Amino acid sequence: MEKTAVLTDSGTGLTQKEAQEAGLFFLPLQVLHEDHQYLDGVSIQLHEVYDLLKQQAKLTTSMPPIGLVEETLTQIKEAGYDSIICIPITSGLSSSMALIQATAEEIGIKVHLIDCYSTCYLQRYLAMCAKQLADQGIAAEEIVKRLNDSIASSNTLIIPDDLQHLKRGGRLTPVAAALGGLLKIKPLLQLNQSCEGKIDVYDKVRTMSKAQEKAINTFVNEHVDGDYICSCLHTDALEAGTALKEKLQAALPNTEIYFGYIGAVISVHTGIGCLGIQYMKKVAGC
């Protein structure tokens, strides 16, 4: 039987320990502060990143260290795996995919790279499903097909408290970045396949409540129901996040909604106070 490893990164919001406990191979993205390079979920944890953001620290991010990618892929090969299903943070936000592809070719192991056109909970869900299906002995090509089918029916809507972090980090499309200087505009942003995993403008409203209303209506209009998984996430904005989750649950009574934090690397680019909601059609067999 084909032996398939599942590899993901800290865009999922998982720590190295949590990923290992789930049977996943894990690559930490990097958080950079002054002269320090931290491994997300290894040498720096989410609450520490939130604390730095509250102190107005200038943080940046980077893909996993090249040496660690080589070490991890070599470890997978030497453990006797035939191939890897890799679900990294979307290529629209990071160059990790290209690095993993080049390293796999150099080491000589087959890798199925999946662009989730998202990150956070959707990325985590896909990695967990891939592991579940691989453990059932389902062929890697079939797992990839099932994951891509679900990715095609997914969306992430982001309501930042301000656009300055995203603008400074260069993670916005030019149109979205241009909104950063406009007063009294509350942009509702999207991250999905249609914008190739880059953060783009979905709509422009005047208030946070209008942005939330528009986001929830989008989910309703897309007929999100019990066949979908959903998440409601926040960057250290528990009160606002809880209120949004309750509104979303009221609008989607038959849908289970995961509630949690936006991971460290994404939070560096959104800043504190950001809210996000995500949906995706459930992966077949999960």
C-alpha atoms as a PDB file:
ATOM      1  CA  MET A   1       0.000   0.000   0.000  1.00  0.00           C
ATOM      2  CA  GLU A   2       1.189   3.474  -0.860  1.00  0.00           C
ATOM      3  CA  LYS A   3       2.557   5.331   2.148  1.00  0.00           C
ATOM      4  CA  THR A   4       1.629   9.025   2.072  1.00  0.00           C
ATOM      5  CA  ALA A   5       2.883  11.718   4.450  1.00  0.00           C
ATOM      6  CA  VAL A   6       0.905  14.908   5.101  1.00  0.00           C
ATOM      7  CA  LEU A   7       2.910  18.104   5.493  1.00  0.00           C
ATOM      8  CA  THR A   8       1.595  21.529   6.485  1.00  0.00           C
ATOM      9  CA  ASP A   9       2.849  24.710   8.150  1.00  0.00           C
ATOM     10  CA  SER A  10       2.042  27.109  10.958  1.00  0.00           C
ATOM     11  CA  GLY A  11      -0.389  29.055   8.791  1.00  0.00           C
ATOM     12  CA  THR A  12      -2.851  26.493  10.171  1.00  0.00           C
ATOM     13  CA  GLY A  13      -2.533  28.041  13.625  1.00  0.00           C
ATOM     14  CA  LEU A  14      -1.157  24.741  14.919  1.00  0.00           C
ATOM     15  CA  THR A  15       1.973  24.602  17.013  1.00  0.00           C
ATOM     16  CA  GLN A  16       4.661  22.047  16.232  1.00  0.00           C
ATOM     17  CA  LYS A  17       3.499  19.940  19.198  1.00  0.00           C
ATOM     18  CA  GLU A  18      -0.166  20.007  18.088  1.00  0.00           C
ATOM     19  CA  ALA A  19       0.746  19.068  14.518  1.00  0.00           C
ATOM     20  CA  GLN A  20       2.908  16.170  15.669  1.00  0.00           C
ATOM     21  CA  GLU A  21       0.140  14.902  17.964  1.00  0.00           C
ATOM     22  CA  ALA A  22      -2.189  14.892  14.914  1.00  0.00           C
ATOM     23  CA  GLY A  23       0.345  12.865  12.905  1.00  0.00           C
ATOM     24  CA  LEU A  24       1.236  15.761  10.608  1.00  0.00           C
ATOM     25  CA  PHE A  25       4.694  16.799   9.449  1.00  0.00           C
ATOM     26  CA  PHE A  26       5.138  20.486  10.199  1.00  0.00           C
ATOM     27  CA  LEU A  27       7.078  23.488   8.921  1.00  0.00           C
ATOM     28  CA  PRO A  28       7.108  26.674  10.999  1.00  0.00           C
ATOM     29  CA  LEU A  29       6.846  29.981   9.189  1.00  0.00           C
ATOM     30  CA  GLN A  30       9.033  32.722  10.654  1.00  0.00           C
ATOM     31  CA  VAL A  31       8.197  35.844  12.639  1.00  0.00           C
ATOM     32  CA  LEU A  32      10.926  38.486  12.441  1.00  0.00           C
ATOM     33  CA  HIS A  33      11.394  41.166  15.099  1.00  0.00           C
ATOM     34  CA  GLU A  34      14.412  43.477  15.072  1.00  0.00           C
ATOM     35  CA  ASP A  35      17.424  41.125  14.884  1.00  0.00           C
ATOM     36  CA  HIS A  36      15.505  38.036  16.005  1.00  0.00           C
ATOM     37  CA  GLN A  37      14.085  35.246  13.828  1.00  0.00           C
ATOM     38  CA  TYR A  38      11.434  33.185  15.585  1.00  0.00           C
ATOM     39  CA  LEU A  39       9.901  29.899  14.430  1.00  0.00           C
ATOM     40  CA  ASP A  40       6.124  30.220  14.630  1.00  0.00           C
ATOM     41  CA  GLY A  41       4.639  27.633  16.972  1.00  0.00           C
ATOM     42  CA  VAL A  42       8.115  26.507  18.069  1.00  0.00           C
ATOM     43  CA  SER A  43      10.197  29.346  19.527  1.00  0.00           C
ATOM     44  CA  ILE A  44       7.403  31.934  19.656  1.00  0.00           C
ATOM     45  CA  GLN A  45       3.770  31.373  20.584  1.00  0.00           C
ATOM     46  CA  LEU A  46       0.593  33.179  19.598  1.00  0.00           C
ATOM     47  CA  HIS A  47       0.130  35.164  22.816  1.00  0.00           C
ATOM     48  CA  GLU A  48       3.701  36.472  22.536  1.00  0.00           C
ATOM     49  CA  VAL A  49       3.034  37.752  19.002  1.00  0.00           C
ATOM     50  CA  TYR A  50      -0.190  39.426  20.184  1.00  0.00           C
ATOM     51  CA  ASP A  51       1.756  41.099  23.026  1.00  0.00           C
ATOM     52  CA  LEU A  52       4.339  42.434  20.573  1.00  0.00           C
ATOM     53  CA  LEU A  53       1.614  43.765  18.261  1.00  0.00           C
ATOM     54  CA  LYS A  54      -0.040  45.581  21.176  1.00  0.00           C
ATOM     55  CA  GLN A  55       3.328  47.204  21.899  1.00  0.00           C
ATOM     56  CA  GLN A  56       3.361  48.520  18.295  1.00  0.00           C
ATOM     57  CA  ALA A  57       6.395  46.361  17.505  1.00  0.00           C
ATOM     58  CA  LYS A  58       7.286  46.258  13.817  1.00  0.00           C
ATOM     59  CA  LEU A  59       7.037  42.593  12.876  1.00  0.00           C
ATOM     60  CA  THR A  60       7.501  40.880   9.545  1.00  0.00           C
ATOM     61  CA  THR A  61       7.206  37.270   8.416  1.00  0.00           C
ATOM     62  CA  SER A  62       9.087  34.862   6.213  1.00  0.00           C
ATOM     63  CA  MET A  63       8.784  31.351   4.803  1.00  0.00           C
ATOM     64  CA  PRO A  64      10.276  28.406   6.731  1.00  0.00           C
ATOM     65  CA  PRO A  65      14.087  28.254   6.872  1.00  0.00           C
ATOM     66  CA  ILE A  66      15.514  26.454   3.820  1.00  0.00           C
ATOM     67  CA  GLY A  67      17.601  24.110   5.976  1.00  0.00           C
ATOM     68  CA  LEU A  68      14.539  23.064   7.974  1.00  0.00           C
ATOM     69  CA  VAL A  69      12.580  22.323   4.783  1.00  0.00           C
ATOM     70  CA  GLU A  70      15.443  20.124   3.531  1.00  0.00           C
ATOM     71  CA  GLU A  71      15.697  18.378   6.910  1.00  0.00           C
ATOM     72  CA  THR A  72      11.939  17.698   7.102  1.00  0.00           C
ATOM     73  CA  LEU A  73      11.610  16.343   3.550  1.00  0.00           C
ATOM     74  CA  THR A  74      14.685  14.152   4.039  1.00  0.00           C
ATOM     75  CA  GLN A  75      13.187  12.812   7.274  1.00  0.00           C
ATOM     76  CA  ILE A  76       9.946  11.952   5.417  1.00  0.00           C
ATOM     77  CA  LYS A  77      11.837  10.156   2.642  1.00  0.00           C
ATOM     78  CA  GLU A  78      14.022   8.204   5.056  1.00  0.00           C
ATOM     79  CA  ALA A  79      10.908   7.134   6.995  1.00  0.00           C
ATOM     80  CA  GLY A  80       9.823   5.210   3.892  1.00  0.00           C
ATOM     81  CA  TYR A  81       7.042   7.429   2.565  1.00  0.00           C
ATOM     82  CA  ASP A  82       6.308   7.178  -1.170  1.00  0.00           C
ATOM     83  CA  SER A  83       4.899  10.682  -1.518  1.00  0.00           C
ATOM     84  CA  ILE A  84       3.836  13.805   0.338  1.00  0.00           C
ATOM     85  CA  ILE A  85       0.563  15.696   0.287  1.00  0.00           C
ATOM     86  CA  CYS A  86       1.564  19.225   1.200  1.00  0.00           C
ATOM     87  CA  ILE A  87      -0.939  21.900   2.226  1.00  0.00           C
ATOM     88  CA  PRO A  88       1.008  25.091   2.939  1.00  0.00           C
ATOM     89  CA  ILE A  89      -0.264  28.625   3.376  1.00  0.00           C
ATOM     90  CA  THR A  90      -1.550  29.911   0.024  1.00  0.00           C
ATOM     91  CA  SER A  91       1.035  30.904  -2.577  1.00  0.00           C
ATOM     92  CA  GLY A  92      -0.626  34.336  -2.731  1.00  0.00           C
ATOM     93  CA  LEU A  93       0.737  35.110   0.745  1.00  0.00           C
ATOM     94  CA  SER A  94       4.024  33.184   0.842  1.00  0.00           C
ATOM     95  CA  SER A  95       6.715  31.635  -1.364  1.00  0.00           C
ATOM     96  CA  SER A  96       6.712  28.440   0.703  1.00  0.00           C
ATOM     97  CA  MET A  97       5.147  26.333  -2.074  1.00  0.00           C
ATOM     98  CA  ALA A  98       7.919  27.118  -4.543  1.00  0.00           C
ATOM     99  CA  LEU A  99      10.585  26.350  -1.932  1.00  0.00           C
ATOM    100  CA  ILE A 100       8.994  23.006  -1.022  1.00  0.00           C
ATOM    101  CA  GLN A 101       8.630  22.022  -4.693  1.00  0.00           C
ATOM    102  CA  ALA A 102      12.278  22.794  -5.466  1.00  0.00           C
ATOM    103  CA  THR A 103      13.504  20.996  -2.337  1.00  0.00           C
ATOM    104  CA  ALA A 104      11.406  17.876  -3.053  1.00  0.00           C
ATOM    105  CA  GLU A 105      12.852  17.678  -6.567  1.00  0.00           C
ATOM    106  CA  GLU A 106      16.364  17.989  -5.184  1.00  0.00           C
ATOM    107  CA  ILE A 107      15.827  15.299  -2.530  1.00  0.00           C
ATOM    108  CA  GLY A 108      13.918  13.025  -4.878  1.00  0.00           C
ATOM    109  CA  ILE A 109      10.506  12.555  -3.293  1.00  0.00           C
ATOM    110  CA  LYS A 110       7.149  13.058  -4.973  1.00  0.00           C
ATOM    111  CA  VAL A 111       5.119  15.930  -3.548  1.00  0.00           C
ATOM    112  CA  HIS A 112       1.499  16.819  -4.297  1.00  0.00           C
ATOM    113  CA  LEU A 113       1.322  20.549  -3.606  1.00  0.00           C
ATOM    114  CA  ILE A 114      -2.140  21.903  -2.857  1.00  0.00           C
ATOM    115  CA  ASP A 115      -2.859  25.614  -2.966  1.00  0.00           C
ATOM    116  CA  CYS A 116      -5.664  26.138  -0.479  1.00  0.00           C
ATOM    117  CA  TYR A 117      -6.049  29.798  -1.589  1.00  0.00           C
ATOM    118  CA  SER A 118      -6.476  30.537   2.099  1.00  0.00           C
ATOM    119  CA  THR A 119      -4.935  29.839   5.478  1.00  0.00           C
ATOM    120  CA  CYS A 120      -5.913  29.519   9.168  1.00  0.00           C
ATOM    121  CA  TYR A 121      -8.747  27.111   9.929  1.00  0.00           C
ATOM    122  CA  LEU A 122      -9.462  26.094   6.325  1.00  0.00           C
ATOM    123  CA  GLN A 123      -5.812  25.132   5.837  1.00  0.00           C
ATOM    124  CA  ARG A 124      -5.876  23.176   9.102  1.00  0.00           C
ATOM    125  CA  TYR A 125      -9.099  21.370   8.156  1.00  0.00           C
ATOM    126  CA  LEU A 126      -7.644  20.313   4.795  1.00  0.00           C
ATOM    127  CA  ALA A 127      -4.481  18.976   6.439  1.00  0.00           C
ATOM    128  CA  MET A 128      -6.480  17.015   9.005  1.00  0.00           C
ATOM    129  CA  CYS A 129      -8.724  15.557   6.286  1.00  0.00           C
ATOM    130  CA  ALA A 130      -5.719  14.585   4.165  1.00  0.00           C
ATOM    131  CA  LYS A 131      -4.242  12.724   7.140  1.00  0.00           C
ATOM    132  CA  GLN A 132      -7.567  10.985   7.880  1.00  0.00           C
ATOM    133  CA  LEU A 133      -7.963   9.842   4.269  1.00  0.00           C
ATOM    134  CA  ALA A 134      -4.309   8.771   3.965  1.00  0.00           C
ATOM    135  CA  ASP A 135      -4.727   6.639   7.097  1.00  0.00           C
ATOM    136  CA  GLN A 136      -7.668   4.922   5.383  1.00  0.00           C
ATOM    137  CA  GLY A 137      -5.331   3.898   2.551  1.00  0.00           C
ATOM    138  CA  ILE A 138      -6.907   6.177  -0.053  1.00  0.00           C
ATOM    139  CA  ALA A 139      -4.515   6.967  -2.934  1.00  0.00           C
ATOM    140  CA  ALA A 140      -2.776  10.331  -2.858  1.00  0.00           C
ATOM    141  CA  GLU A 141      -4.225  11.369  -6.243  1.00  0.00           C
ATOM    142  CA  GLU A 142      -7.762  10.735  -4.983  1.00  0.00           C
ATOM    143  CA  ILE A 143      -7.111  12.691  -1.781  1.00  0.00           C
ATOM    144  CA  VAL A 144      -5.771  15.612  -3.813  1.00  0.00           C
ATOM    145  CA  LYS A 145      -8.890  15.570  -6.002  1.00  0.00           C
ATOM    146  CA  ARG A 146     -11.207  15.592  -2.983  1.00  0.00           C
ATOM    147  CA  LEU A 147      -9.333  18.460  -1.332  1.00  0.00           C
ATOM    148  CA  ASN A 148      -9.312  20.555  -4.507  1.00  0.00           C
ATOM    149  CA  ASP A 149     -13.054  19.982  -4.974  1.00  0.00           C
ATOM    150  CA  SER A 150     -13.668  21.500  -1.536  1.00  0.00           C
ATOM    151  CA  ILE A 151     -11.212  24.359  -2.061  1.00  0.00           C
ATOM    152  CA  ALA A 152     -13.209  25.390  -5.150  1.00  0.00           C
ATOM    153  CA  SER A 153     -16.210  26.047  -2.885  1.00  0.00           C
ATOM    154  CA  SER A 154     -14.455  28.020  -0.159  1.00  0.00           C
ATOM    155  CA  ASN A 155     -14.085  31.626   0.865  1.00  0.00           C
ATOM    156  CA  THR A 156     -12.474  33.743   3.559  1.00  0.00           C
ATOM    157  CA  LEU A 157     -13.811  37.195   4.408  1.00  0.00           C
ATOM    158  CA  ILE A 158     -11.638  39.504   6.499  1.00  0.00           C
ATOM    159  CA  ILE A 159     -12.725  42.574   8.465  1.00  0.00           C
ATOM    160  CA  PRO A 160      -9.563  44.374   9.623  1.00  0.00           C
ATOM    161  CA  ASP A 161      -9.693  47.061  12.272  1.00  0.00           C
ATOM    162  CA  ASP A 162      -7.353  49.030   9.994  1.00  0.00           C
ATOM    163  CA  LEU A 163      -5.404  48.365   6.794  1.00  0.00           C
ATOM    164  CA  GLN A 164      -2.020  49.658   7.879  1.00  0.00           C
ATOM    165  CA  HIS A 165      -0.488  46.304   8.827  1.00  0.00           C
ATOM    166  CA  LEU A 166      -1.693  44.642   5.630  1.00  0.00           C
ATOM    167  CA  LYS A 167      -0.551  47.570   3.526  1.00  0.00           C
ATOM    168  CA  ARG A 168       2.910  47.664   5.111  1.00  0.00           C
ATOM    169  CA  GLY A 169       3.328  43.895   4.710  1.00  0.00           C
ATOM    170  CA  GLY A 170       2.584  44.020   0.983  1.00  0.00           C
ATOM    171  CA  ARG A 171      -0.106  41.335   1.242  1.00  0.00           C
ATOM    172  CA  LEU A 172      -2.843  43.432  -0.394  1.00  0.00           C
ATOM    173  CA  THR A 173      -3.685  43.771  -4.064  1.00  0.00           C
ATOM    174  CA  PRO A 174      -3.004  47.335  -5.338  1.00  0.00           C
ATOM    175  CA  VAL A 175      -6.728  48.148  -5.282  1.00  0.00           C
ATOM    176  CA  ALA A 176      -7.063  47.031  -1.678  1.00  0.00           C
ATOM    177  CA  ALA A 177      -3.919  48.928  -0.645  1.00  0.00           C
ATOM    178  CA  ALA A 178      -5.276  52.128  -2.183  1.00  0.00           C
ATOM    179  CA  LEU A 179      -8.210  52.022   0.220  1.00  0.00           C
ATOM    180  CA  GLY A 180      -5.861  52.267   3.177  1.00  0.00           C
ATOM    181  CA  GLY A 181      -5.700  56.038   2.961  1.00  0.00           C
ATOM    182  CA  LEU A 182      -9.412  56.667   2.578  1.00  0.00           C
ATOM    183  CA  LEU A 183     -11.221  57.979   5.622  1.00  0.00           C
ATOM    184  CA  LYS A 184     -14.518  56.535   6.813  1.00  0.00           C
ATOM    185  CA  ILE A 185     -14.164  53.438   4.653  1.00  0.00           C
ATOM    186  CA  LYS A 186     -14.356  50.003   6.266  1.00  0.00           C
ATOM    187  CA  PRO A 187     -13.222  47.519   3.607  1.00  0.00           C
ATOM    188  CA  LEU A 188     -14.444  43.947   3.621  1.00  0.00           C
ATOM    189  CA  LEU A 189     -11.636  41.835   2.193  1.00  0.00           C
ATOM    190  CA  GLN A 190     -11.641  38.403   0.572  1.00  0.00           C
ATOM    191  CA  LEU A 191      -9.127  35.588   0.205  1.00  0.00           C
ATOM    192  CA  ASN A 192     -10.038  32.781  -2.196  1.00  0.00           C
ATOM    193  CA  GLN A 193      -9.365  31.099  -5.530  1.00  0.00           C
ATOM    194  CA  SER A 194     -10.827  33.944  -7.584  1.00  0.00           C
ATOM    195  CA  CYS A 195      -8.151  36.349  -6.291  1.00  0.00           C
ATOM    196  CA  GLU A 196      -5.425  33.659  -6.461  1.00  0.00           C
ATOM    197  CA  GLY A 197      -4.848  33.602  -2.720  1.00  0.00           C
ATOM    198  CA  LYS A 198      -4.109  37.322  -2.489  1.00  0.00           C
ATOM    199  CA  ILE A 199      -6.097  39.581  -0.181  1.00  0.00           C
ATOM    200  CA  ASP A 200      -8.454  41.678  -2.291  1.00  0.00           C
ATOM    201  CA  VAL A 201     -11.400  44.011  -1.785  1.00  0.00           C
ATOM    202  CA  TYR A 202     -14.772  42.320  -1.588  1.00  0.00           C
ATOM    203  CA  ASP A 203     -16.837  45.368  -0.660  1.00  0.00           C
ATOM    204  CA  LYS A 204     -16.561  48.841   0.876  1.00  0.00           C
ATOM    205  CA  VAL A 205     -18.848  49.932   3.704  1.00  0.00           C
ATOM    206  CA  ARG A 206     -18.882  52.662   6.334  1.00  0.00           C
ATOM    207  CA  THR A 207     -18.970  50.772   9.622  1.00  0.00           C
ATOM    208  CA  MET A 208     -17.794  47.554  11.237  1.00  0.00           C
ATOM    209  CA  SER A 209     -21.410  46.459  11.774  1.00  0.00           C
ATOM    210  CA  LYS A 210     -22.180  46.941   8.064  1.00  0.00           C
ATOM    211  CA  ALA A 211     -19.088  44.924   7.155  1.00  0.00           C
ATOM    212  CA  GLN A 212     -20.216  42.093   9.442  1.00  0.00           C
ATOM    213  CA  GLU A 213     -23.749  42.194   8.030  1.00  0.00           C
ATOM    214  CA  LYS A 214     -22.422  42.031   4.461  1.00  0.00           C
ATOM    215  CA  ALA A 215     -20.086  39.132   5.326  1.00  0.00           C
ATOM    216  CA  ILE A 216     -22.861  37.094   6.947  1.00  0.00           C
ATOM    217  CA  ASN A 217     -25.258  37.782   4.059  1.00  0.00           C
ATOM    218  CA  THR A 218     -22.595  36.465   1.675  1.00  0.00           C
ATOM    219  CA  PHE A 219     -22.531  33.154   3.536  1.00  0.00           C
ATOM    220  CA  VAL A 220     -26.340  32.963   3.474  1.00  0.00           C
ATOM    221  CA  ASN A 221     -26.478  33.793  -0.241  1.00  0.00           C
ATOM    222  CA  GLU A 222     -23.919  31.070  -0.970  1.00  0.00           C
ATOM    223  CA  HIS A 223     -26.316  28.593   0.703  1.00  0.00           C
ATOM    224  CA  VAL A 224     -23.795  27.579   3.338  1.00  0.00           C
ATOM    225  CA  ASP A 225     -25.431  24.777   5.354  1.00  0.00           C
ATOM    226  CA  GLY A 226     -24.617  21.543   7.174  1.00  0.00           C
ATOM    227  CA  ASP A 227     -22.569  20.331   4.188  1.00  0.00           C
ATOM    228  CA  TYR A 228     -20.007  23.059   4.942  1.00  0.00           C
ATOM    229  CA  ILE A 229     -17.494  23.740   7.680  1.00  0.00           C
ATOM    230  CA  CYS A 230     -17.240  27.319   8.960  1.00  0.00           C
ATOM    231  CA  SER A 231     -14.969  29.289  11.217  1.00  0.00           C
ATOM    232  CA  CYS A 232     -15.132  32.619  12.981  1.00  0.00           C
ATOM    233  CA  LEU A 233     -11.686  33.914  13.968  1.00  0.00           C
ATOM    234  CA  HIS A 234     -10.232  36.994  15.650  1.00  0.00           C
ATOM    235  CA  THR A 235      -6.928  38.596  16.607  1.00  0.00           C
ATOM    236  CA  ASP A 236      -7.319  39.135  20.340  1.00  0.00           C
ATOM    237  CA  ALA A 237     -10.791  40.660  19.899  1.00  0.00           C
ATOM    238  CA  LEU A 238     -12.760  38.164  21.982  1.00  0.00           C
ATOM    239  CA  GLU A 239     -15.831  40.308  22.603  1.00  0.00           C
ATOM    240  CA  ALA A 240     -16.260  41.371  18.964  1.00  0.00           C
ATOM    241  CA  GLY A 241     -15.412  37.873  17.748  1.00  0.00           C
ATOM    242  CA  THR A 242     -17.958  36.246  20.055  1.00  0.00           C
ATOM    243  CA  ALA A 243     -20.673  38.666  18.933  1.00  0.00           C
ATOM    244  CA  LEU A 244     -19.914  37.947  15.270  1.00  0.00           C
ATOM    245  CA  LYS A 245     -19.941  34.204  15.883  1.00  0.00           C
ATOM    246  CA  GLU A 246     -23.378  34.448  17.522  1.00  0.00           C
ATOM    247  CA  LYS A 247     -24.766  36.440  14.576  1.00  0.00           C
ATOM    248  CA  LEU A 248     -23.263  33.970  12.106  1.00  0.00           C
ATOM    249  CA  GLN A 249     -24.677  31.006  14.017  1.00  0.00           C
ATOM    250  CA  ALA A 250     -28.133  32.585  14.080  1.00  0.00           C
ATOM    251  CA  ALA A 251     -27.974  33.034  10.293  1.00  0.00           C
ATOM    252  CA  LEU A 252     -26.652  29.485   9.748  1.00  0.00           C
ATOM    253  CA  PRO A 253     -28.423  27.354  12.368  1.00  0.00           C
ATOM    254  CA  ASN A 254     -27.535  24.035  10.701  1.00  0.00           C
ATOM    255  CA  THR A 255     -23.814  24.750  10.340  1.00  0.00           C
ATOM    256  CA  GLU A 256     -21.165  23.922  12.922  1.00  0.00           C
ATOM    257  CA  ILE A 257     -18.911  26.953  13.415  1.00  0.00           C
ATOM    258  CA  TYR A 258     -15.384  26.697  14.788  1.00  0.00           C
ATOM    259  CA  PHE A 259     -14.426  29.696  16.954  1.00  0.00           C
ATOM    260  CA  GLY A 260     -10.821  30.619  17.627  1.00  0.00           C
ATOM    261  CA  TYR A 261      -7.837  32.869  17.048  1.00  0.00           C
ATOM    262  CA  ILE A 262      -6.180  34.063  13.860  1.00  0.00           C
ATOM    263  CA  GLY A 263      -2.696  32.511  13.862  1.00  0.00           C
ATOM    264  CA  ALA A 264       0.516  34.374  14.578  1.00  0.00           C
ATOM    265  CA  VAL A 265       1.873  34.866  11.052  1.00  0.00           C
ATOM    266  CA  ILE A 266      -1.461  36.112   9.679  1.00  0.00           C
ATOM    267  CA  SER A 267      -1.978  38.334  12.733  1.00  0.00           C
ATOM    268  CA  VAL A 268       1.315  40.095  11.973  1.00  0.00           C
ATOM    269  CA  HIS A 269      -0.280  41.254   8.722  1.00  0.00           C
ATOM    270  CA  THR A 270      -3.805  41.979   9.976  1.00  0.00           C
ATOM    271  CA  GLY A 271      -2.977  43.622  13.289  1.00  0.00           C
ATOM    272  CA  ILE A 272      -4.977  43.368  16.517  1.00  0.00           C
ATOM    273  CA  GLY A 273      -8.776  43.656  16.323  1.00  0.00           C
ATOM    274  CA  CYS A 274      -9.237  41.834  13.020  1.00  0.00           C
ATOM    275  CA  LEU A 275     -12.180  39.482  12.455  1.00  0.00           C
ATOM    276  CA  GLY A 276     -12.442  36.738   9.856  1.00  0.00           C
ATOM    277  CA  ILE A 277     -15.040  34.197   8.770  1.00  0.00           C
ATOM    278  CA  GLN A 278     -14.467  31.217   6.490  1.00  0.00           C
ATOM    279  CA  TYR A 279     -16.487  28.519   4.788  1.00  0.00           C
ATOM    280  CA  MET A 280     -15.676  25.426   2.760  1.00  0.00           C
ATOM    281  CA  LYS A 281     -17.667  22.460   1.504  1.00  0.00           C
ATOM    282  CA  LYS A 282     -16.781  19.403   3.565  1.00  0.00           C
ATOM    283  CA  VAL A 283     -14.192  17.084   2.059  1.00  0.00           C
ATOM    284  CA  ALA A 284     -15.757  13.835   0.819  1.00  0.00           C
ATOM    285  CA  GLY A 285     -15.151  11.061   3.352  1.00  0.00           C
ATOM    286  CA  CYS A 286     -14.304  13.403   6.250  1.00  0.00           C
END
